[in-house]
Amino acid sequence: MTHVSAAAFPELRRIFDGYLHEDVLAEAGTPEAALRTFWADAGADERRGFQHEVERFLAHAATLDLDELCALVQDLGCRWMPPSREALVTLLTNAAHLRKPPPRSADV
């Protein structure tokens, strides 16, 4: 496995440190709510930067075991520790709006 430094993800470091800090649960209630706050606060360029880094991060994260993944997340300034890889992937995918919404059913 090739080690990737947290420095490779400066946008994630800024967002994790600013929104997923040690008071995330007290302030936002959930990591999801904290990242929704980021999305609302961010400009278009910041959102695109976040999306790009999330895609790169998730590609790299696929090669890490959970302990390595948690260590990298912590190095990025995140104080919320994901209970599983799937929880982190879901959080970031949803926060970055990378998942396409389900198709709307036609009103009958």
N, C-alpha and C. Protein backbone atom coordinates (compact mmCIF):
# COMPACT_ATOMS: atom_id res chain seq x y z
N MET A 1 0.83 -1.18 0.00
CA MET A 1 0.00 0.00 0.00
C MET A 1 0.88 1.24 0.00
N THR A 2 0.53 2.21 -0.79
CA THR A 2 1.24 3.47 -0.83
C THR A 2 0.61 4.41 0.18
N HIS A 3 1.47 4.99 1.03
CA HIS A 3 0.97 5.93 2.03
C HIS A 3 0.69 7.27 1.37
N VAL A 4 -0.49 7.81 1.64
CA VAL A 4 -0.83 9.14 1.15
C VAL A 4 -1.01 10.02 2.36
N SER A 5 -0.37 11.15 2.32
CA SER A 5 -0.42 12.11 3.42
C SER A 5 -1.73 12.88 3.39
N ALA A 6 -2.13 13.34 4.55
CA ALA A 6 -3.30 14.20 4.64
C ALA A 6 -3.10 15.47 3.81
N ALA A 7 -1.84 15.85 3.59
CA ALA A 7 -1.54 17.04 2.78
C ALA A 7 -2.05 16.90 1.35
N ALA A 8 -2.30 15.68 0.90
CA ALA A 8 -2.82 15.45 -0.44
C ALA A 8 -4.27 15.88 -0.58
N PHE A 9 -4.92 16.18 0.56
CA PHE A 9 -6.33 16.54 0.56
C PHE A 9 -6.56 17.84 1.34
N PRO A 10 -6.02 18.96 0.85
CA PRO A 10 -6.13 20.21 1.62
C PRO A 10 -7.56 20.70 1.80
N GLU A 11 -8.40 20.50 0.82
CA GLU A 11 -9.79 20.94 0.95
C GLU A 11 -10.52 20.11 1.99
N LEU A 12 -10.32 18.81 1.98
CA LEU A 12 -10.94 17.96 3.00
C LEU A 12 -10.41 18.32 4.39
N ARG A 13 -9.13 18.59 4.49
CA ARG A 13 -8.55 18.97 5.79
C ARG A 13 -9.24 20.24 6.31
N ARG A 14 -9.42 21.20 5.45
CA ARG A 14 -10.06 22.45 5.87
C ARG A 14 -11.50 22.21 6.31
N ILE A 15 -12.22 21.41 5.56
CA ILE A 15 -13.63 21.16 5.86
C ILE A 15 -13.78 20.26 7.09
N PHE A 16 -12.98 19.20 7.16
CA PHE A 16 -13.07 18.32 8.32
C PHE A 16 -12.73 19.08 9.60
N ASP A 17 -11.67 19.88 9.54
CA ASP A 17 -11.25 20.64 10.72
C ASP A 17 -12.29 21.69 11.10
N GLY A 18 -12.94 22.26 10.12
CA GLY A 18 -13.91 23.32 10.38
C GLY A 18 -15.31 22.85 10.70
N TYR A 19 -15.68 21.65 10.24
CA TYR A 19 -17.06 21.20 10.40
C TYR A 19 -17.18 19.87 11.16
N LEU A 20 -16.17 19.04 11.12
CA LEU A 20 -16.23 17.74 11.83
C LEU A 20 -15.25 17.73 13.00
N HIS A 21 -15.18 18.84 13.69
CA HIS A 21 -14.26 19.02 14.81
C HIS A 21 -14.79 18.33 16.06
N GLU A 22 -14.09 18.52 17.18
CA GLU A 22 -14.44 17.81 18.41
C GLU A 22 -15.83 18.15 18.96
N ASP A 23 -16.40 19.27 18.57
CA ASP A 23 -17.73 19.66 19.05
C ASP A 23 -18.83 19.42 18.02
N VAL A 24 -18.54 18.61 17.03
CA VAL A 24 -19.49 18.40 15.93
C VAL A 24 -20.85 17.92 16.43
N LEU A 25 -20.88 16.98 17.34
CA LEU A 25 -22.16 16.44 17.79
C LEU A 25 -22.93 17.45 18.62
N ALA A 26 -22.22 18.21 19.46
CA ALA A 26 -22.87 19.23 20.28
C ALA A 26 -23.40 20.37 19.42
N GLU A 27 -22.65 20.76 18.40
CA GLU A 27 -23.03 21.91 17.58
C GLU A 27 -23.99 21.57 16.45
N ALA A 28 -23.74 20.47 15.79
CA ALA A 28 -24.55 20.14 14.60
C ALA A 28 -25.51 18.99 14.83
N GLY A 29 -25.23 18.17 15.82
CA GLY A 29 -26.09 17.01 16.09
C GLY A 29 -25.61 15.74 15.43
N THR A 30 -25.22 15.85 14.15
CA THR A 30 -24.73 14.70 13.40
C THR A 30 -23.65 15.16 12.43
N PRO A 31 -22.79 14.24 12.01
CA PRO A 31 -21.82 14.60 10.97
C PRO A 31 -22.52 15.02 9.67
N GLU A 32 -23.63 14.39 9.37
CA GLU A 32 -24.38 14.73 8.16
C GLU A 32 -24.85 16.19 8.21
N ALA A 33 -25.38 16.59 9.37
CA ALA A 33 -25.85 17.98 9.52
C ALA A 33 -24.69 18.96 9.41
N ALA A 34 -23.53 18.58 9.96
CA ALA A 34 -22.36 19.46 9.87
C ALA A 34 -21.95 19.66 8.42
N LEU A 35 -21.95 18.60 7.63
CA LEU A 35 -21.55 18.73 6.23
C LEU A 35 -22.63 19.41 5.39
N ARG A 36 -23.89 19.29 5.80
CA ARG A 36 -24.94 20.08 5.13
C ARG A 36 -24.71 21.57 5.39
N THR A 37 -24.26 21.90 6.61
CA THR A 37 -23.95 23.29 6.93
C THR A 37 -22.80 23.78 6.05
N PHE A 38 -21.76 22.94 5.89
CA PHE A 38 -20.68 23.32 4.98
C PHE A 38 -21.24 23.61 3.60
N TRP A 39 -22.06 22.72 3.08
CA TRP A 39 -22.59 22.86 1.71
C TRP A 39 -23.36 24.17 1.58
N ALA A 40 -24.13 24.51 2.62
CA ALA A 40 -24.90 25.76 2.59
C ALA A 40 -23.99 26.98 2.67
N ASP A 41 -22.89 26.86 3.42
CA ASP A 41 -21.95 27.97 3.58
C ASP A 41 -21.04 28.17 2.38
N ALA A 42 -20.78 27.11 1.64
CA ALA A 42 -19.76 27.11 0.59
C ALA A 42 -20.23 27.78 -0.68
N GLY A 43 -19.27 28.35 -1.38
CA GLY A 43 -19.52 28.87 -2.72
C GLY A 43 -19.36 27.74 -3.74
N ALA A 44 -19.67 28.03 -4.97
CA ALA A 44 -19.62 27.03 -6.04
C ALA A 44 -18.21 26.44 -6.19
N ASP A 45 -17.17 27.27 -6.12
CA ASP A 45 -15.80 26.76 -6.26
C ASP A 45 -15.43 25.84 -5.11
N GLU A 46 -15.84 26.20 -3.90
CA GLU A 46 -15.55 25.34 -2.75
C GLU A 46 -16.28 24.00 -2.87
N ARG A 47 -17.50 24.03 -3.32
CA ARG A 47 -18.27 22.79 -3.49
C ARG A 47 -17.60 21.88 -4.53
N ARG A 48 -17.18 22.48 -5.65
CA ARG A 48 -16.50 21.68 -6.69
C ARG A 48 -15.19 21.11 -6.16
N GLY A 49 -14.43 21.91 -5.42
CA GLY A 49 -13.19 21.42 -4.83
C GLY A 49 -13.44 20.28 -3.88
N PHE A 50 -14.48 20.40 -3.07
CA PHE A 50 -14.85 19.34 -2.14
C PHE A 50 -15.24 18.08 -2.90
N GLN A 51 -16.06 18.22 -3.92
CA GLN A 51 -16.48 17.06 -4.71
C GLN A 51 -15.28 16.35 -5.33
N HIS A 52 -14.38 17.12 -5.90
CA HIS A 52 -13.19 16.54 -6.54
C HIS A 52 -12.34 15.78 -5.51
N GLU A 53 -12.11 16.40 -4.37
CA GLU A 53 -11.29 15.72 -3.36
C GLU A 53 -12.00 14.52 -2.76
N VAL A 54 -13.31 14.58 -2.60
CA VAL A 54 -14.03 13.41 -2.10
C VAL A 54 -13.86 12.24 -3.06
N GLU A 55 -13.97 12.50 -4.35
CA GLU A 55 -13.78 11.43 -5.33
C GLU A 55 -12.38 10.82 -5.22
N ARG A 56 -11.36 11.67 -5.13
CA ARG A 56 -9.98 11.15 -5.00
C ARG A 56 -9.80 10.42 -3.68
N PHE A 57 -10.35 10.99 -2.60
CA PHE A 57 -10.22 10.39 -1.28
C PHE A 57 -10.88 9.01 -1.25
N LEU A 58 -12.08 8.91 -1.81
CA LEU A 58 -12.79 7.62 -1.79
C LEU A 58 -12.05 6.57 -2.62
N ALA A 59 -11.44 6.97 -3.71
CA ALA A 59 -10.65 6.02 -4.50
C ALA A 59 -9.47 5.51 -3.68
N HIS A 60 -8.81 6.42 -2.97
CA HIS A 60 -7.69 6.01 -2.12
C HIS A 60 -8.17 5.19 -0.93
N ALA A 61 -9.28 5.58 -0.33
CA ALA A 61 -9.80 4.91 0.86
C ALA A 61 -10.12 3.45 0.60
N ALA A 62 -10.45 3.12 -0.62
CA ALA A 62 -10.78 1.74 -0.97
C ALA A 62 -9.60 0.80 -0.74
N THR A 63 -8.39 1.34 -0.69
CA THR A 63 -7.20 0.51 -0.49
C THR A 63 -6.80 0.39 0.97
N LEU A 64 -7.51 1.07 1.86
CA LEU A 64 -7.13 1.10 3.28
C LEU A 64 -8.04 0.23 4.12
N ASP A 65 -7.45 -0.37 5.17
CA ASP A 65 -8.32 -1.05 6.13
C ASP A 65 -8.92 0.02 7.05
N LEU A 66 -9.87 -0.36 7.89
CA LEU A 66 -10.60 0.62 8.69
C LEU A 66 -9.69 1.40 9.62
N ASP A 67 -8.70 0.74 10.23
CA ASP A 67 -7.79 1.46 11.12
C ASP A 67 -6.98 2.51 10.36
N GLU A 68 -6.50 2.16 9.18
CA GLU A 68 -5.75 3.12 8.36
C GLU A 68 -6.65 4.27 7.90
N LEU A 69 -7.86 3.92 7.55
CA LEU A 69 -8.82 4.93 7.11
C LEU A 69 -9.13 5.91 8.25
N CYS A 70 -9.37 5.38 9.44
CA CYS A 70 -9.65 6.25 10.60
C CYS A 70 -8.45 7.13 10.93
N ALA A 71 -7.24 6.59 10.80
CA ALA A 71 -6.04 7.39 11.06
C ALA A 71 -5.93 8.54 10.05
N LEU A 72 -6.21 8.26 8.79
CA LEU A 72 -6.16 9.32 7.77
C LEU A 72 -7.23 10.36 8.03
N VAL A 73 -8.43 9.93 8.36
CA VAL A 73 -9.52 10.86 8.66
C VAL A 73 -9.13 11.76 9.83
N GLN A 74 -8.52 11.16 10.85
CA GLN A 74 -8.09 11.94 12.01
C GLN A 74 -6.98 12.92 11.61
N ASP A 75 -6.05 12.48 10.79
CA ASP A 75 -4.99 13.37 10.30
C ASP A 75 -5.56 14.56 9.52
N LEU A 76 -6.72 14.36 8.93
CA LEU A 76 -7.38 15.42 8.18
C LEU A 76 -8.16 16.38 9.09
N GLY A 77 -8.14 16.14 10.39
CA GLY A 77 -8.79 17.04 11.33
C GLY A 77 -10.18 16.63 11.75
N CYS A 78 -10.64 15.51 11.26
CA CYS A 78 -11.97 15.02 11.62
C CYS A 78 -11.90 14.37 12.99
N ARG A 79 -12.78 14.77 13.89
CA ARG A 79 -12.82 14.16 15.22
C ARG A 79 -13.97 13.19 15.37
N TRP A 80 -14.85 13.12 14.37
CA TRP A 80 -15.87 12.07 14.32
C TRP A 80 -15.21 10.86 13.70
N MET A 81 -15.30 9.73 14.36
CA MET A 81 -14.69 8.52 13.83
C MET A 81 -15.77 7.63 13.24
N PRO A 82 -15.64 7.31 11.98
CA PRO A 82 -16.67 6.49 11.33
C PRO A 82 -16.70 5.09 11.93
N PRO A 83 -17.89 4.57 12.18
CA PRO A 83 -17.99 3.21 12.73
C PRO A 83 -17.65 2.14 11.69
N SER A 84 -17.68 2.51 10.42
CA SER A 84 -17.37 1.56 9.35
C SER A 84 -16.95 2.34 8.10
N ARG A 85 -16.32 1.63 7.19
CA ARG A 85 -15.98 2.24 5.90
C ARG A 85 -17.24 2.72 5.19
N GLU A 86 -18.28 1.88 5.25
CA GLU A 86 -19.53 2.22 4.58
C GLU A 86 -20.13 3.51 5.13
N ALA A 87 -20.04 3.72 6.44
CA ALA A 87 -20.58 4.94 7.04
C ALA A 87 -19.84 6.17 6.51
N LEU A 88 -18.52 6.08 6.40
CA LEU A 88 -17.74 7.20 5.89
C LEU A 88 -18.02 7.44 4.41
N VAL A 89 -18.06 6.39 3.63
CA VAL A 89 -18.34 6.51 2.19
C VAL A 89 -19.72 7.14 1.98
N THR A 90 -20.70 6.68 2.72
CA THR A 90 -22.05 7.23 2.59
C THR A 90 -22.08 8.70 2.99
N LEU A 91 -21.45 9.04 4.11
CA LEU A 91 -21.41 10.42 4.57
C LEU A 91 -20.81 11.33 3.49
N LEU A 92 -19.64 10.95 2.98
CA LEU A 92 -18.96 11.81 2.01
C LEU A 92 -19.67 11.84 0.66
N THR A 93 -20.17 10.71 0.23
CA THR A 93 -20.87 10.65 -1.05
C THR A 93 -22.12 11.52 -1.02
N ASN A 94 -22.87 11.41 0.07
CA ASN A 94 -24.07 12.23 0.19
C ASN A 94 -23.72 13.71 0.35
N ALA A 95 -22.72 14.00 1.16
CA ALA A 95 -22.34 15.40 1.41
C ALA A 95 -21.84 16.07 0.14
N ALA A 96 -21.16 15.32 -0.70
CA ALA A 96 -20.61 15.88 -1.94
C ALA A 96 -21.62 15.83 -3.08
N HIS A 97 -22.82 15.32 -2.79
CA HIS A 97 -23.88 15.23 -3.80
C HIS A 97 -23.41 14.41 -4.99
N LEU A 98 -22.65 13.36 -4.71
CA LEU A 98 -22.14 12.51 -5.79
C LEU A 98 -23.12 11.40 -6.15
N ARG A 99 -24.02 11.11 -5.25
CA ARG A 99 -25.01 10.08 -5.53
C ARG A 99 -26.18 10.73 -6.24
N LYS A 100 -26.59 10.11 -7.32
CA LYS A 100 -27.72 10.66 -8.05
C LYS A 100 -28.99 10.38 -7.23
N PRO A 101 -29.90 11.34 -7.16
CA PRO A 101 -31.14 11.09 -6.42
C PRO A 101 -31.96 10.00 -7.11
N PRO A 102 -32.75 9.29 -6.34
CA PRO A 102 -33.59 8.26 -6.97
C PRO A 102 -34.59 8.91 -7.92
N PRO A 103 -34.95 8.22 -8.96
CA PRO A 103 -35.91 8.80 -9.90
C PRO A 103 -37.24 9.07 -9.19
N ARG A 104 -37.88 10.15 -9.58
CA ARG A 104 -39.17 10.47 -8.99
C ARG A 104 -40.23 9.64 -9.68
N SER A 105 -41.13 9.13 -8.87
CA SER A 105 -42.23 8.38 -9.48
C SER A 105 -43.26 9.36 -10.01
N ALA A 106 -43.90 8.99 -11.06
CA ALA A 106 -44.93 9.86 -11.66
C ALA A 106 -46.12 9.93 -10.73
N ASP A 107 -46.65 11.10 -10.59
CA ASP A 107 -47.87 11.25 -9.79
C ASP A 107 -49.01 10.59 -10.54
N VAL A 108 -49.76 9.80 -9.82
CA VAL A 108 -50.89 9.11 -10.46
C VAL A 108 -52.18 9.74 -10.01
